[in-house]
PDB file of N, CA and C in Angstrom:
ATOM      1  N   MET A   1     -39.868   9.665  15.103  1.00  0.00           N
ATOM      2  CA  MET A   1     -38.408   9.271  14.848  1.00  0.00           C
ATOM      3  C   MET A   1     -37.677  10.807  14.851  1.00  0.00           C
ATOM      4  N   PRO A   2     -36.647  10.909  15.537  1.00  0.00           N
ATOM      5  CA  PRO A   2     -36.037  12.287  15.608  1.00  0.00           C
ATOM      6  C   PRO A   2     -35.251  12.616  14.120  1.00  0.00           C
ATOM      7  N   VAL A   3     -35.374  13.885  13.763  1.00  0.00           N
ATOM      8  CA  VAL A   3     -34.655  14.214  12.533  1.00  0.00           C
ATOM      9  C   VAL A   3     -33.686  15.296  12.849  1.00  0.00           C
ATOM     10  N   PRO A   4     -32.578  15.403  12.210  1.00  0.00           N
ATOM     11  CA  PRO A   4     -31.431  16.346  12.475  1.00  0.00           C
ATOM     12  C   PRO A   4     -32.090  17.771  12.406  1.00  0.00           C
ATOM     13  N   PHE A   5     -31.740  18.529  13.380  1.00  0.00           N
ATOM     14  CA  PHE A   5     -32.112  20.015  13.451  1.00  0.00           C
ATOM     15  C   PHE A   5     -31.705  20.800  12.310  1.00  0.00           C
ATOM     16  N   ARG A   6     -30.332  20.593  11.925  1.00  0.00           N
ATOM     17  CA  ARG A   6     -29.566  21.297  10.905  1.00  0.00           C
ATOM     18  C   ARG A   6     -28.806  20.397  10.056  1.00  0.00           C
ATOM     19  N   ARG A   7     -28.621  20.785   8.892  1.00  0.00           N
ATOM     20  CA  ARG A   7     -27.873  19.867   7.871  1.00  0.00           C
ATOM     21  C   ARG A   7     -26.457  19.806   8.216  1.00  0.00           C
ATOM     22  N   THR A   8     -25.714  18.750   8.121  1.00  0.00           N
ATOM     23  CA  THR A   8     -24.185  18.548   8.339  1.00  0.00           C
ATOM     24  C   THR A   8     -23.472  19.166   7.353  1.00  0.00           C
ATOM     25  N   SER A   9     -22.647  20.260   7.709  1.00  0.00           N
ATOM     26  CA  SER A   9     -21.829  21.062   6.747  1.00  0.00           C
ATOM     27  C   SER A   9     -20.670  20.093   6.068  1.00  0.00           C
ATOM     28  N   LYS A  10     -20.220  20.679   5.075  1.00  0.00           N
ATOM     29  CA  LYS A  10     -19.310  19.826   4.283  1.00  0.00           C
ATOM     30  C   LYS A  10     -17.988  19.830   5.042  1.00  0.00           C
ATOM     31  N   THR A  11     -17.617  20.713   5.713  1.00  0.00           N
ATOM     32  CA  THR A  11     -16.341  20.781   6.512  1.00  0.00           C
ATOM     33  C   THR A  11     -16.540  19.814   7.702  1.00  0.00           C
ATOM     34  N   ARG A  12     -17.573  19.767   8.422  1.00  0.00           N
ATOM     35  CA  ARG A  12     -17.842  18.813   9.481  1.00  0.00           C
ATOM     36  C   ARG A  12     -17.720  17.432   9.031  1.00  0.00           C
ATOM     37  N   LYS A  13     -18.269  17.204   7.776  1.00  0.00           N
ATOM     38  CA  LYS A  13     -18.379  15.903   7.388  1.00  0.00           C
ATOM     39  C   LYS A  13     -16.984  15.414   6.941  1.00  0.00           C
ATOM     40  N   ALA A  14     -16.140  16.368   6.355  1.00  0.00           N
ATOM     41  CA  ALA A  14     -14.828  16.101   5.940  1.00  0.00           C
ATOM     42  C   ALA A  14     -13.910  15.786   7.150  1.00  0.00           C
ATOM     43  N   LYS A  15     -14.139  16.500   8.208  1.00  0.00           N
ATOM     44  CA  LYS A  15     -13.357  16.321   9.521  1.00  0.00           C
ATOM     45  C   LYS A  15     -13.425  14.971  10.024  1.00  0.00           C
ATOM     46  N   ARG A  16     -14.659  14.442  10.034  1.00  0.00           N
ATOM     47  CA  ARG A  16     -15.161  13.228  10.472  1.00  0.00           C
ATOM     48  C   ARG A  16     -14.523  12.252   9.546  1.00  0.00           C
ATOM     49  N   ARG A  17     -14.418  12.301   8.252  1.00  0.00           N
ATOM     50  CA  ARG A  17     -13.752  11.265   7.399  1.00  0.00           C
ATOM     51  C   ARG A  17     -12.416  11.433   7.063  1.00  0.00           C
ATOM     52  N   THR A  18     -11.575  12.118   7.919  1.00  0.00           N
ATOM     53  CA  THR A  18     -10.142  12.341   7.590  1.00  0.00           C
ATOM     54  C   THR A  18      -9.427  11.004   7.598  1.00  0.00           C
ATOM     55  N   HIS A  19      -9.793   9.988   8.433  1.00  0.00           N
ATOM     56  CA  HIS A  19      -9.035   8.891   8.451  1.00  0.00           C
ATOM     57  C   HIS A  19      -9.507   7.755   7.571  1.00  0.00           C
ATOM     58  N   GLN A  20     -10.430   7.953   6.766  1.00  0.00           N
ATOM     59  CA  GLN A  20     -11.108   7.163   5.730  1.00  0.00           C
ATOM     60  C   GLN A  20     -10.525   7.357   4.320  1.00  0.00           C
ATOM     61  N   ARG A  21      -9.091   7.011   4.229  1.00  0.00           N
ATOM     62  CA  ARG A  21      -8.553   7.313   3.070  1.00  0.00           C
ATOM     63  C   ARG A  21      -7.584   6.038   2.673  1.00  0.00           C
ATOM     64  N   ALA A  22      -7.305   5.817   1.479  1.00  0.00           N
ATOM     65  CA  ALA A  22      -6.360   4.822   1.084  1.00  0.00           C
ATOM     66  C   ALA A  22      -4.971   5.220   1.447  1.00  0.00           C
ATOM     67  N   LYS A  23      -4.082   4.249   2.018  1.00  0.00           N
ATOM     68  CA  LYS A  23      -2.863   4.312   2.437  1.00  0.00           C
ATOM     69  C   LYS A  23      -1.790   3.786   1.340  1.00  0.00           C
ATOM     70  N   LYS A  24      -0.755   4.428   1.252  1.00  0.00           N
ATOM     71  CA  LYS A  24       0.210   3.812   0.268  1.00  0.00           C
ATOM     72  C   LYS A  24       0.865   2.608   0.940  1.00  0.00           C
ATOM     73  N   PRO A  25       1.096   1.642   0.111  1.00  0.00           N
ATOM     74  CA  PRO A  25       1.770   0.416   0.734  1.00  0.00           C
ATOM     75  C   PRO A  25       3.128   0.755   0.997  1.00  0.00           C
ATOM     76  N   THR A  26       3.774   0.218   1.956  1.00  0.00           N
ATOM     77  CA  THR A  26       5.040   0.179   2.483  1.00  0.00           C
ATOM     78  C   THR A  26       6.010  -0.456   1.356  1.00  0.00           C
ATOM     79  N   THR A  27       7.118   0.251   0.881  1.00  0.00           N
ATOM     80  CA  THR A  27       7.800  -0.503  -0.151  1.00  0.00           C
ATOM     81  C   THR A  27       9.239  -0.403   0.426  1.00  0.00           C
ATOM     82  N   ILE A  28      10.091  -1.189  -0.007  1.00  0.00           N
ATOM     83  CA  ILE A  28      11.523  -1.413   0.222  1.00  0.00           C
ATOM     84  C   ILE A  28      12.218  -1.768  -1.086  1.00  0.00           C
ATOM     85  N   MET A  29      13.635  -1.467  -0.977  1.00  0.00           N
ATOM     86  CA  MET A  29      14.415  -1.791  -2.151  1.00  0.00           C
ATOM     87  C   MET A  29      14.895  -3.248  -2.239  1.00  0.00           C
ATOM     88  N   CYS A  30      14.851  -3.900  -3.255  1.00  0.00           N
ATOM     89  CA  CYS A  30      15.236  -5.223  -3.326  1.00  0.00           C
ATOM     90  C   CYS A  30      16.682  -5.265  -3.235  1.00  0.00           C
ATOM     91  N   GLU A  31      17.283  -6.320  -2.323  1.00  0.00           N
ATOM     92  CA  GLU A  31      18.572  -6.461  -2.157  1.00  0.00           C
ATOM     93  C   GLU A  31      19.504  -6.920  -3.309  1.00  0.00           C
ATOM     94  N   ASN A  32      18.807  -7.563  -4.228  1.00  0.00           N
ATOM     95  CA  ASN A  32      19.335  -8.072  -5.448  1.00  0.00           C
ATOM     96  C   ASN A  32      19.464  -7.135  -6.595  1.00  0.00           C
ATOM     97  N   CYS A  33      18.326  -6.557  -6.926  1.00  0.00           N
ATOM     98  CA  CYS A  33      18.202  -5.805  -8.270  1.00  0.00           C
ATOM     99  C   CYS A  33      18.002  -4.365  -7.955  1.00  0.00           C
ATOM    100  N   GLY A  34      17.496  -3.723  -6.746  1.00  0.00           N
ATOM    101  CA  GLY A  34      17.340  -2.412  -6.437  1.00  0.00           C
ATOM    102  C   GLY A  34      16.045  -1.904  -6.823  1.00  0.00           C
ATOM    103  N   LYS A  35      15.109  -2.691  -7.278  1.00  0.00           N
ATOM    104  CA  LYS A  35      13.832  -2.161  -7.634  1.00  0.00           C
ATOM    105  C   LYS A  35      12.876  -2.092  -6.238  1.00  0.00           C
ATOM    106  N   ASN A  36      12.024  -1.165  -6.354  1.00  0.00           N
ATOM    107  CA  ASN A  36      11.026  -0.938  -5.234  1.00  0.00           C
ATOM    108  C   ASN A  36       9.977  -1.867  -5.228  1.00  0.00           C
ATOM    109  N   ILE A  37       9.869  -2.732  -4.072  1.00  0.00           N
ATOM    110  CA  ILE A  37       8.855  -3.887  -3.981  1.00  0.00           C
ATOM    111  C   ILE A  37       8.203  -3.655  -2.692  1.00  0.00           C
ATOM    112  N   LYS A  38       6.940  -4.249  -2.610  1.00  0.00           N
ATOM    113  CA  LYS A  38       6.283  -4.299  -1.216  1.00  0.00           C
ATOM    114  C   LYS A  38       7.232  -5.276  -0.389  1.00  0.00           C
ATOM    115  N   SER A  39       7.025  -4.854   1.019  1.00  0.00           N
ATOM    116  CA  SER A  39       7.918  -5.663   1.948  1.00  0.00           C
ATOM    117  C   SER A  39       7.138  -7.023   2.146  1.00  0.00           C
ATOM    118  N   HIS A  40       8.118  -7.961   2.573  1.00  0.00           N
ATOM    119  CA  HIS A  40       7.761  -9.412   2.656  1.00  0.00           C
ATOM    120  C   HIS A  40       7.079 -10.083   1.545  1.00  0.00           C
ATOM    121  N   THR A  41       7.492  -9.680   0.196  1.00  0.00           N
ATOM    122  CA  THR A  41       7.200 -10.396  -0.904  1.00  0.00           C
ATOM    123  C   THR A  41       8.355 -10.696  -1.683  1.00  0.00           C
ATOM    124  N   VAL A  42       8.088 -11.672  -2.579  1.00  0.00           N
ATOM    125  CA  VAL A  42       9.170 -11.947  -3.525  1.00  0.00           C
ATOM    126  C   VAL A  42       9.192 -10.874  -4.622  1.00  0.00           C
ATOM    127  N   CYS A  43      10.507 -10.439  -5.078  1.00  0.00           N
ATOM    128  CA  CYS A  43      10.569  -9.432  -6.191  1.00  0.00           C
ATOM    129  C   CYS A  43      10.049  -9.998  -7.400  1.00  0.00           C
ATOM    130  N   LYS A  44       9.248  -9.322  -8.070  1.00  0.00           N
ATOM    131  CA  LYS A  44       8.737  -9.715  -9.469  1.00  0.00           C
ATOM    132  C   LYS A  44       9.698  -9.761 -10.522  1.00  0.00           C
ATOM    133  N   HIS A  45      10.767  -8.922 -10.253  1.00  0.00           N
ATOM    134  CA  HIS A  45      11.743  -8.717 -11.484  1.00  0.00           C
ATOM    135  C   HIS A  45      12.838  -9.621 -11.467  1.00  0.00           C
ATOM    136  N   CYS A  46      13.376 -10.047 -10.251  1.00  0.00           N
ATOM    137  CA  CYS A  46      14.564 -10.993 -10.182  1.00  0.00           C
ATOM    138  C   CYS A  46      14.197 -12.233  -9.460  1.00  0.00           C
ATOM    139  N   GLY A  47      13.061 -12.352  -8.735  1.00  0.00           N
ATOM    140  CA  GLY A  47      12.625 -13.602  -8.106  1.00  0.00           C
ATOM    141  C   GLY A  47      13.305 -13.801  -6.721  1.00  0.00           C
ATOM    142  N   PHE A  48      14.033 -12.875  -6.101  1.00  0.00           N
ATOM    143  CA  PHE A  48      14.633 -13.264  -4.998  1.00  0.00           C
ATOM    144  C   PHE A  48      13.827 -12.843  -3.736  1.00  0.00           C
ATOM    145  N   TYR A  49      14.131 -13.416  -2.613  1.00  0.00           N
ATOM    146  CA  TYR A  49      13.378 -13.024  -1.220  1.00  0.00           C
ATOM    147  C   TYR A  49      14.305 -13.332  -0.119  1.00  0.00           C
ATOM    148  N   LYS A  50      14.748 -12.269   0.503  1.00  0.00           N
ATOM    149  CA  LYS A  50      15.591 -12.222   1.549  1.00  0.00           C
ATOM    150  C   LYS A  50      17.087 -12.766   1.119  1.00  0.00           C
ATOM    151  N   GLY A  51      17.523 -12.384   0.030  1.00  0.00           N
ATOM    152  CA  GLY A  51      18.874 -12.736  -0.477  1.00  0.00           C
ATOM    153  C   GLY A  51      18.834 -14.148  -1.024  1.00  0.00           C
ATOM    154  N   LYS A  52      17.791 -14.836  -1.315  1.00  0.00           N
ATOM    155  CA  LYS A  52      17.798 -16.172  -1.802  1.00  0.00           C
ATOM    156  C   LYS A  52      16.887 -16.138  -2.950  1.00  0.00           C
ATOM    157  N   GLN A  53      17.249 -16.942  -4.146  1.00  0.00           N
ATOM    158  CA  GLN A  53      16.479 -17.076  -5.298  1.00  0.00           C
ATOM    159  C   GLN A  53      15.231 -17.986  -4.993  1.00  0.00           C
ATOM    160  N   VAL A  54      14.044 -17.599  -5.174  1.00  0.00           N
ATOM    161  CA  VAL A  54      12.851 -18.315  -4.945  1.00  0.00           C
ATOM    162  C   VAL A  54      12.300 -18.665  -6.254  1.00  0.00           C
ATOM    163  N   ILE A  55      12.085 -17.811  -7.181  1.00  0.00           N
ATOM    164  CA  ILE A  55      11.474 -17.985  -8.405  1.00  0.00           C
ATOM    165  C   ILE A  55      12.567 -17.823  -9.575  1.00  0.00           C
ATOM    166  N   LYS A  56      12.533 -18.687 -10.509  1.00  0.00           N
ATOM    167  CA  LYS A  56      13.471 -18.440 -11.564  1.00  0.00           C
ATOM    168  C   LYS A  56      12.741 -17.435 -12.559  1.00  0.00           C
ATOM    169  N   SER A  57      13.617 -16.545 -12.885  1.00  0.00           N
ATOM    170  CA  SER A  57      13.233 -15.410 -13.857  1.00  0.00           C
ATOM    171  C   SER A  57      13.222 -16.094 -15.177  1.00  0.00           C
ATOM    172  N   LYS A  58      12.383 -15.211 -16.050  1.00  0.00           N
ATOM    173  CA  LYS A  58      12.296 -15.733 -17.581  1.00  0.00           C
ATOM    174  C   LYS A  58      13.676 -15.371 -18.410  1.00  0.00           C
ATOM    175  N   ASP A  59      14.325 -14.545 -17.798  1.00  0.00           N
ATOM    176  CA  ASP A  59      15.620 -14.068 -18.583  1.00  0.00           C
ATOM    177  C   ASP A  59      16.588 -15.195 -18.560  1.00  0.00           C
ATOM    178  N   GLU A  60      16.542 -16.065 -17.598  1.00  0.00           N
ATOM    179  CA  GLU A  60      17.708 -17.101 -17.401  1.00  0.00           C
ATOM    180  C   GLU A  60      17.371 -18.317 -18.021  1.00  0.00           C
TER     181      GLU A  60
END
């Protein structure tokens, strides 16, 4: 079975793994309350989605 002739350096290993990282989720501002939320989800703070109230908040 073949064995690598030389050890893989830290730099070469890091260059190969540049794309293997966690990405930040895309966030948008809620139209109703202005908080940052993930896109395509209901706002946890006010319960609105696309300008319509979907979930009643605990404050009401």
